[in-house]
PDB file of all heavy atoms in Angstrom:
ATOM      1  N   ILE A   1     -14.147  -3.869  18.866  1.00  0.00           N
ATOM      2  CA  ILE A   1     -14.334  -2.748  17.869  1.00  0.00           C
ATOM      3  C   ILE A   1     -12.947  -2.043  17.672  1.00  0.00           C
ATOM      4  O   ILE A   1     -12.549  -1.812  16.515  1.00  0.00           O
ATOM      5  CB  ILE A   1     -15.358  -1.801  18.370  1.00  0.00           C
ATOM      6  CG1 ILE A   1     -16.765  -2.420  18.274  1.00  0.00           C
ATOM      7  CG2 ILE A   1     -15.367  -0.522  17.478  1.00  0.00           C
ATOM      8  CD1 ILE A   1     -17.966  -1.567  18.818  1.00  0.00           C
ATOM      9  N   MET A   2     -12.173  -1.878  18.662  1.00  0.00           N
ATOM     10  CA  MET A   2     -10.945  -1.214  18.543  1.00  0.00           C
ATOM     11  C   MET A   2      -9.985  -2.146  17.747  1.00  0.00           C
ATOM     12  O   MET A   2      -9.191  -1.620  16.921  1.00  0.00           O
ATOM     13  CB  MET A   2     -10.279  -0.912  19.950  1.00  0.00           C
ATOM     14  CG  MET A   2     -10.964   0.189  20.675  1.00  0.00           C
ATOM     15  SD  MET A   2     -10.949   1.756  19.683  1.00  0.00           S
ATOM     16  CE  MET A   2      -9.305   2.106  19.650  1.00  0.00           C
ATOM     17  N   LYS A   3      -9.957  -3.380  18.065  1.00  0.00           N
ATOM     18  CA  LYS A   3      -9.074  -4.336  17.239  1.00  0.00           C
ATOM     19  C   LYS A   3      -9.444  -4.329  15.798  1.00  0.00           C
ATOM     20  O   LYS A   3      -8.549  -4.326  14.914  1.00  0.00           O
ATOM     21  CB  LYS A   3      -9.230  -5.773  17.794  1.00  0.00           C
ATOM     22  CG  LYS A   3      -8.553  -5.985  19.109  1.00  0.00           C
ATOM     23  CD  LYS A   3      -8.746  -7.495  19.601  1.00  0.00           C
ATOM     24  CE  LYS A   3      -8.036  -7.629  20.879  1.00  0.00           C
ATOM     25  NZ  LYS A   3      -8.208  -9.049  21.357  1.00  0.00           N
ATOM     26  N   GLN A   4     -10.750  -4.287  15.434  1.00  0.00           N
ATOM     27  CA  GLN A   4     -11.150  -4.208  14.097  1.00  0.00           C
ATOM     28  C   GLN A   4     -10.733  -2.917  13.461  1.00  0.00           C
ATOM     29  O   GLN A   4     -10.317  -2.933  12.280  1.00  0.00           O
ATOM     30  CB  GLN A   4     -12.618  -4.456  14.035  1.00  0.00           C
ATOM     31  CG  GLN A   4     -13.202  -5.779  14.346  1.00  0.00           C
ATOM     32  CD  GLN A   4     -14.704  -5.908  14.328  1.00  0.00           C
ATOM     33  OE1 GLN A   4     -15.465  -4.891  14.358  1.00  0.00           O
ATOM     34  NE2 GLN A   4     -15.129  -7.130  14.262  1.00  0.00           N
ATOM     35  N   LEU A   5     -10.832  -1.769  14.169  1.00  0.00           N
ATOM     36  CA  LEU A   5     -10.377  -0.531  13.645  1.00  0.00           C
ATOM     37  C   LEU A   5      -8.903  -0.502  13.296  1.00  0.00           C
ATOM     38  O   LEU A   5      -8.441   0.057  12.350  1.00  0.00           O
ATOM     39  CB  LEU A   5     -10.831   0.637  14.587  1.00  0.00           C
ATOM     40  CG  LEU A   5     -12.324   0.945  14.510  1.00  0.00           C
ATOM     41  CD1 LEU A   5     -12.591   2.082  15.570  1.00  0.00           C
ATOM     42  CD2 LEU A   5     -12.717   1.522  13.177  1.00  0.00           C
ATOM     43  N   ILE A   6      -8.138  -1.099  14.312  1.00  0.00           N
ATOM     44  CA  ILE A   6      -6.711  -1.136  14.087  1.00  0.00           C
ATOM     45  C   ILE A   6      -6.405  -1.910  12.891  1.00  0.00           C
ATOM     46  O   ILE A   6      -5.463  -1.587  12.098  1.00  0.00           O
ATOM     47  CB  ILE A   6      -6.040  -1.744  15.353  1.00  0.00           C
ATOM     48  CG1 ILE A   6      -6.159  -0.626  16.560  1.00  0.00           C
ATOM     49  CG2 ILE A   6      -4.587  -2.077  15.071  1.00  0.00           C
ATOM     50  CD1 ILE A   6      -5.630  -1.239  17.932  1.00  0.00           C
ATOM     51  N   ILE A   7      -7.053  -3.017  12.651  1.00  0.00           N
ATOM     52  CA  ILE A   7      -6.760  -3.902  11.498  1.00  0.00           C
ATOM     53  C   ILE A   7      -7.166  -3.151  10.292  1.00  0.00           C
ATOM     54  O   ILE A   7      -6.429  -3.131   9.282  1.00  0.00           O
ATOM     55  CB  ILE A   7      -7.529  -5.231  11.594  1.00  0.00           C
ATOM     56  CG1 ILE A   7      -6.886  -6.099  12.721  1.00  0.00           C
ATOM     57  CG2 ILE A   7      -7.541  -6.011  10.270  1.00  0.00           C
ATOM     58  CD1 ILE A   7      -7.802  -7.334  13.081  1.00  0.00           C
ATOM     59  N   LEU A   8      -8.269  -2.501  10.252  1.00  0.00           N
ATOM     60  CA  LEU A   8      -8.733  -1.618   9.040  1.00  0.00           C
ATOM     61  C   LEU A   8      -7.756  -0.619   8.734  1.00  0.00           C
ATOM     62  O   LEU A   8      -7.398  -0.401   7.613  1.00  0.00           O
ATOM     63  CB  LEU A   8     -10.134  -1.068   9.301  1.00  0.00           C
ATOM     64  CG  LEU A   8     -10.652  -0.154   8.324  1.00  0.00           C
ATOM     65  CD1 LEU A   8     -10.936  -0.938   7.028  1.00  0.00           C
ATOM     66  CD2 LEU A   8     -11.951   0.561   8.741  1.00  0.00           C
ATOM     67  N   PHE A   9      -7.299   0.166   9.733  1.00  0.00           N
ATOM     68  CA  PHE A   9      -6.251   1.211   9.542  1.00  0.00           C
ATOM     69  C   PHE A   9      -4.939   0.671   9.069  1.00  0.00           C
ATOM     70  O   PHE A   9      -4.251   1.226   8.209  1.00  0.00           O
ATOM     71  CB  PHE A   9      -6.041   2.039  10.751  1.00  0.00           C
ATOM     72  CG  PHE A   9      -7.157   3.046  11.036  1.00  0.00           C
ATOM     73  CD1 PHE A   9      -7.867   3.004  12.159  1.00  0.00           C
ATOM     74  CD2 PHE A   9      -7.501   3.938  10.090  1.00  0.00           C
ATOM     75  CE1 PHE A   9      -8.961   3.902  12.385  1.00  0.00           C
ATOM     76  CE2 PHE A   9      -8.657   4.840  10.304  1.00  0.00           C
ATOM     77  CZ  PHE A   9      -9.295   4.839  11.411  1.00  0.00           C
ATOM     78  N   THR A  10      -4.515  -0.478   9.536  1.00  0.00           N
ATOM     79  CA  THR A  10      -3.402  -1.191   9.084  1.00  0.00           C
ATOM     80  C   THR A  10      -3.402  -1.470   7.557  1.00  0.00           C
ATOM     81  O   THR A  10      -2.524  -1.199   6.788  1.00  0.00           O
ATOM     82  CB  THR A  10      -3.059  -2.461   9.880  1.00  0.00           C
ATOM     83  OG1 THR A  10      -3.024  -2.116  11.290  1.00  0.00           O
ATOM     84  CG2 THR A  10      -1.754  -3.108   9.403  1.00  0.00           C
ATOM     85  N   PHE A  11      -4.492  -2.109   7.134  1.00  0.00           N
ATOM     86  CA  PHE A  11      -4.736  -2.288   5.706  1.00  0.00           C
ATOM     87  C   PHE A  11      -4.741  -1.109   4.926  1.00  0.00           C
ATOM     88  O   PHE A  11      -4.183  -1.022   3.781  1.00  0.00           O
ATOM     89  CB  PHE A  11      -6.020  -3.180   5.529  1.00  0.00           C
ATOM     90  CG  PHE A  11      -5.947  -4.651   5.848  1.00  0.00           C
ATOM     91  CD1 PHE A  11      -6.796  -5.156   6.734  1.00  0.00           C
ATOM     92  CD2 PHE A  11      -4.890  -5.346   5.292  1.00  0.00           C
ATOM     93  CE1 PHE A  11      -6.659  -6.524   7.057  1.00  0.00           C
ATOM     94  CE2 PHE A  11      -4.766  -6.760   5.628  1.00  0.00           C
ATOM     95  CZ  PHE A  11      -5.671  -7.312   6.534  1.00  0.00           C
ATOM     96  N   LEU A  12      -5.385  -0.066   5.404  1.00  0.00           N
ATOM     97  CA  LEU A  12      -5.421   1.232   4.747  1.00  0.00           C
ATOM     98  C   LEU A  12      -4.057   1.867   4.530  1.00  0.00           C
ATOM     99  O   LEU A  12      -3.747   2.240   3.385  1.00  0.00           O
ATOM    100  CB  LEU A  12      -6.379   2.278   5.445  1.00  0.00           C
ATOM    101  CG  LEU A  12      -6.538   3.638   4.834  1.00  0.00           C
ATOM    102  CD1 LEU A  12      -7.217   3.491   3.437  1.00  0.00           C
ATOM    103  CD2 LEU A  12      -7.402   4.483   5.739  1.00  0.00           C
ATOM    104  N   ILE A  13      -3.255   1.882   5.533  1.00  0.00           N
ATOM    105  CA  ILE A  13      -1.951   2.430   5.513  1.00  0.00           C
ATOM    106  C   ILE A  13      -0.994   1.614   4.567  1.00  0.00           C
ATOM    107  O   ILE A  13      -0.338   2.148   3.802  1.00  0.00           O
ATOM    108  CB  ILE A  13      -1.359   2.634   6.954  1.00  0.00           C
ATOM    109  CG1 ILE A  13      -2.128   3.764   7.619  1.00  0.00           C
ATOM    110  CG2 ILE A  13       0.167   2.917   6.841  1.00  0.00           C
ATOM    111  CD1 ILE A  13      -1.765   3.759   9.166  1.00  0.00           C
ATOM    112  N   THR A  14      -1.219   0.233   4.727  1.00  0.00           N
ATOM    113  CA  THR A  14      -0.412  -0.580   3.833  1.00  0.00           C
ATOM    114  C   THR A  14      -0.723  -0.370   2.315  1.00  0.00           C
ATOM    115  O   THR A  14       0.098  -0.280   1.520  1.00  0.00           O
ATOM    116  CB  THR A  14      -0.643  -2.109   4.195  1.00  0.00           C
ATOM    117  OG1 THR A  14      -0.334  -2.223   5.563  1.00  0.00           O
ATOM    118  CG2 THR A  14       0.194  -2.980   3.429  1.00  0.00           C
ATOM    119  N   SER A  15      -1.980  -0.227   1.980  1.00  0.00           N
ATOM    120  CA  SER A  15      -2.424  -0.006   0.583  1.00  0.00           C
ATOM    121  C   SER A  15      -1.882   1.324   0.109  1.00  0.00           C
ATOM    122  O   SER A  15      -1.539   1.458  -1.077  1.00  0.00           O
ATOM    123  CB  SER A  15      -3.867  -0.201   0.429  1.00  0.00           C
ATOM    124  OG  SER A  15      -4.541   0.902   1.194  1.00  0.00           O
ATOM    125  N   ILE A  16      -1.905   2.323   0.901  1.00  0.00           N
ATOM    126  CA  ILE A  16      -1.445   3.732   0.462  1.00  0.00           C
ATOM    127  C   ILE A  16       0.018   3.594   0.271  1.00  0.00           C
ATOM    128  O   ILE A  16       0.598   4.061  -0.747  1.00  0.00           O
ATOM    129  CB  ILE A  16      -1.751   4.771   1.607  1.00  0.00           C
ATOM    130  CG1 ILE A  16      -3.226   5.016   1.557  1.00  0.00           C
ATOM    131  CG2 ILE A  16      -1.015   5.999   1.299  1.00  0.00           C
ATOM    132  CD1 ILE A  16      -3.739   5.938   2.781  1.00  0.00           C
ATOM    133  N   ASN A  17       0.857   3.018   1.173  1.00  0.00           N
ATOM    134  CA  ASN A  17       2.226   2.796   0.952  1.00  0.00           C
ATOM    135  C   ASN A  17       2.580   1.941  -0.318  1.00  0.00           C
ATOM    136  O   ASN A  17       3.544   2.159  -0.950  1.00  0.00           O
ATOM    137  CB  ASN A  17       2.915   2.114   2.191  1.00  0.00           C
ATOM    138  CG  ASN A  17       3.054   3.111   3.219  1.00  0.00           C
ATOM    139  OD1 ASN A  17       2.981   4.347   3.086  1.00  0.00           O
ATOM    140  ND2 ASN A  17       3.158   2.662   4.551  1.00  0.00           N
ATOM    141  N   ALA A  18       1.846   0.924  -0.508  1.00  0.00           N
ATOM    142  CA  ALA A  18       2.084   0.029  -1.727  1.00  0.00           C
ATOM    143  C   ALA A  18       1.870   0.831  -2.999  1.00  0.00           C
ATOM    144  O   ALA A  18       2.659   0.721  -4.002  1.00  0.00           O
ATOM    145  CB  ALA A  18       1.207  -1.094  -1.643  1.00  0.00           C
ATOM    146  N   ASP A  19       0.891   1.737  -3.055  1.00  0.00           N
ATOM    147  CA  ASP A  19       0.660   2.477  -4.252  1.00  0.00           C
ATOM    148  C   ASP A  19       1.725   3.521  -4.455  1.00  0.00           C
ATOM    149  O   ASP A  19       2.060   3.824  -5.572  1.00  0.00           O
ATOM    150  CB  ASP A  19      -0.730   3.310  -4.101  1.00  0.00           C
ATOM    151  CG  ASP A  19      -1.183   4.036  -5.357  1.00  0.00           C
ATOM    152  OD1 ASP A  19      -1.042   3.434  -6.380  1.00  0.00           O
ATOM    153  OD2 ASP A  19      -1.516   5.237  -5.208  1.00  0.00           O
ATOM    154  N   CYS A  20       2.390   4.026  -3.509  1.00  0.00           N
ATOM    155  CA  CYS A  20       3.516   4.949  -3.657  1.00  0.00           C
ATOM    156  C   CYS A  20       4.835   4.265  -4.154  1.00  0.00           C
ATOM    157  O   CYS A  20       5.689   4.993  -4.584  1.00  0.00           O
ATOM    158  CB  CYS A  20       3.815   5.571  -2.308  1.00  0.00           C
ATOM    159  SG  CYS A  20       2.360   6.641  -1.687  1.00  0.00           S
ATOM    160  N   ASP A  21       4.828   2.975  -4.049  1.00  0.00           N
ATOM    161  CA  ASP A  21       6.007   2.232  -4.449  1.00  0.00           C
ATOM    162  C   ASP A  21       6.066   1.865  -6.019  1.00  0.00           C
ATOM    163  O   ASP A  21       6.917   1.253  -6.441  1.00  0.00           O
ATOM    164  CB  ASP A  21       6.231   0.944  -3.658  1.00  0.00           C
ATOM    165  CG  ASP A  21       6.630   1.286  -2.179  1.00  0.00           C
ATOM    166  OD1 ASP A  21       7.122   2.385  -1.969  1.00  0.00           O
ATOM    167  OD2 ASP A  21       6.400   0.422  -1.394  1.00  0.00           O
ATOM    168  N   THR A  22       4.966   2.175  -6.690  1.00  0.00           N
ATOM    169  CA  THR A  22       4.916   1.782  -8.060  1.00  0.00           C
ATOM    170  C   THR A  22       5.862   2.666  -8.850  1.00  0.00           C
ATOM    171  O   THR A  22       6.125   3.814  -8.584  1.00  0.00           O
ATOM    172  CB  THR A  22       3.507   2.008  -8.633  1.00  0.00           C
ATOM    173  OG1 THR A  22       3.134   3.415  -8.590  1.00  0.00           O
ATOM    174  CG2 THR A  22       2.515   1.127  -7.902  1.00  0.00           C
ATOM    175  N   ILE A  23       6.450   2.053  -9.824  1.00  0.00           N
ATOM    176  CA  ILE A  23       7.444   2.668 -10.660  1.00  0.00           C
ATOM    177  C   ILE A  23       7.445   2.276 -12.155  1.00  0.00           C
ATOM    178  O   ILE A  23       7.227   1.002 -12.385  1.00  0.00           O
ATOM    179  CB  ILE A  23       8.864   2.569 -10.056  1.00  0.00           C
ATOM    180  CG1 ILE A  23       9.887   3.438 -10.721  1.00  0.00           C
ATOM    181  CG2 ILE A  23       9.299   1.121 -10.182  1.00  0.00           C
ATOM    182  CD1 ILE A  23      11.189   3.620  -9.843  1.00  0.00           C
ATOM    183  N   ASP A  24       7.587   3.189 -13.044  1.00  0.00           N
ATOM    184  CA  ASP A  24       7.645   2.783 -14.446  1.00  0.00           C
ATOM    185  C   ASP A  24       9.071   2.393 -14.788  1.00  0.00           C
ATOM    186  O   ASP A  24      10.009   2.901 -14.236  1.00  0.00           O
ATOM    187  CB  ASP A  24       7.242   3.954 -15.353  1.00  0.00           C
ATOM    188  CG  ASP A  24       5.801   4.374 -15.129  1.00  0.00           C
ATOM    189  OD1 ASP A  24       5.054   3.748 -14.351  1.00  0.00           O
ATOM    190  OD2 ASP A  24       5.398   5.353 -15.789  1.00  0.00           O
ATOM    191  N   TYR A  25       9.138   1.493 -15.677  1.00  0.00           N
ATOM    192  CA  TYR A  25      10.481   1.000 -16.109  1.00  0.00           C
ATOM    193  C   TYR A  25      10.449   0.676 -17.618  1.00  0.00           C
ATOM    194  O   TYR A  25       9.385   0.396 -18.214  1.00  0.00           O
ATOM    195  CB  TYR A  25      10.833  -0.316 -15.301  1.00  0.00           C
ATOM    196  CG  TYR A  25       9.709  -1.361 -15.362  1.00  0.00           C
ATOM    197  CD1 TYR A  25       9.733  -2.351 -16.336  1.00  0.00           C
ATOM    198  CD2 TYR A  25       8.643  -1.364 -14.499  1.00  0.00           C
ATOM    199  CE1 TYR A  25       8.821  -3.268 -16.503  1.00  0.00           C
ATOM    200  CE2 TYR A  25       7.570  -2.249 -14.645  1.00  0.00           C
ATOM    201  CZ  TYR A  25       7.689  -3.266 -15.636  1.00  0.00           C
ATOM    202  OH  TYR A  25       6.689  -4.204 -15.687  1.00  0.00           O
ATOM    203  N   TRP A  26      11.640   0.732 -18.248  1.00  0.00           N
ATOM    204  CA  TRP A  26      11.683   0.425 -19.710  1.00  0.00           C
ATOM    205  C   TRP A  26      12.995  -0.151 -19.983  1.00  0.00           C
ATOM    206  O   TRP A  26      14.017   0.111 -19.330  1.00  0.00           O
ATOM    207  CB  TRP A  26      11.353   1.628 -20.542  1.00  0.00           C
ATOM    208  CG  TRP A  26      12.105   2.940 -20.214  1.00  0.00           C
ATOM    209  CD1 TRP A  26      13.234   3.344 -20.905  1.00  0.00           C
ATOM    210  CD2 TRP A  26      11.894   3.918 -19.195  1.00  0.00           C
ATOM    211  NE1 TRP A  26      13.653   4.534 -20.376  1.00  0.00           N
ATOM    212  CE2 TRP A  26      12.779   4.844 -19.353  1.00  0.00           C
ATOM    213  CE3 TRP A  26      10.834   3.976 -18.232  1.00  0.00           C
ATOM    214  CZ2 TRP A  26      12.790   5.998 -18.529  1.00  0.00           C
ATOM    215  CZ3 TRP A  26      10.880   5.066 -17.451  1.00  0.00           C
ATOM    216  CH2 TRP A  26      11.778   6.058 -17.542  1.00  0.00           C
ATOM    217  N   ALA A  27      13.078  -0.996 -21.030  1.00  0.00           N
ATOM    218  CA  ALA A  27      14.256  -1.657 -21.500  1.00  0.00           C
ATOM    219  C   ALA A  27      14.427  -1.293 -22.984  1.00  0.00           C
ATOM    220  O   ALA A  27      13.544  -1.292 -23.631  1.00  0.00           O
ATOM    221  CB  ALA A  27      14.094  -3.252 -21.224  1.00  0.00           C
ATOM    222  N   VAL A  28      15.676  -1.178 -23.305  1.00  0.00           N
ATOM    223  CA  VAL A  28      16.039  -0.779 -24.722  1.00  0.00           C
ATOM    224  C   VAL A  28      16.876  -1.950 -25.301  1.00  0.00           C
ATOM    225  O   VAL A  28      17.880  -2.416 -24.680  1.00  0.00           O
ATOM    226  CB  VAL A  28      16.826   0.497 -24.756  1.00  0.00           C
ATOM    227  CG1 VAL A  28      17.185   0.849 -26.236  1.00  0.00           C
ATOM    228  CG2 VAL A  28      16.086   1.655 -24.090  1.00  0.00           C
ATOM    229  N   TYR A  29      16.504  -2.392 -26.460  1.00  0.00           N
ATOM    230  CA  TYR A  29      17.170  -3.551 -27.149  1.00  0.00           C
ATOM    231  C   TYR A  29      17.680  -3.009 -28.512  1.00  0.00           C
ATOM    232  O   TYR A  29      17.037  -2.246 -29.154  1.00  0.00           O
ATOM    233  CB  TYR A  29      16.232  -4.753 -27.363  1.00  0.00           C
ATOM    234  CG  TYR A  29      15.621  -5.175 -26.138  1.00  0.00           C
ATOM    235  CD1 TYR A  29      14.521  -4.618 -25.472  1.00  0.00           C
ATOM    236  CD2 TYR A  29      16.146  -6.323 -25.502  1.00  0.00           C
ATOM    237  CE1 TYR A  29      13.875  -5.189 -24.363  1.00  0.00           C
ATOM    238  CE2 TYR A  29      15.529  -6.858 -24.366  1.00  0.00           C
ATOM    239  CZ  TYR A  29      14.417  -6.246 -23.773  1.00  0.00           C
ATOM    240  OH  TYR A  29      13.891  -6.802 -22.683  1.00  0.00           O
TER     241      TYR A  29
END
């Protein structure tokens, strides 16, 4: 159960960090 919780929290923390890395970008031609 502890291993499963650690894996769950790892995925949760990874998904939160991934969402914070999103950035808008634009190019002008």
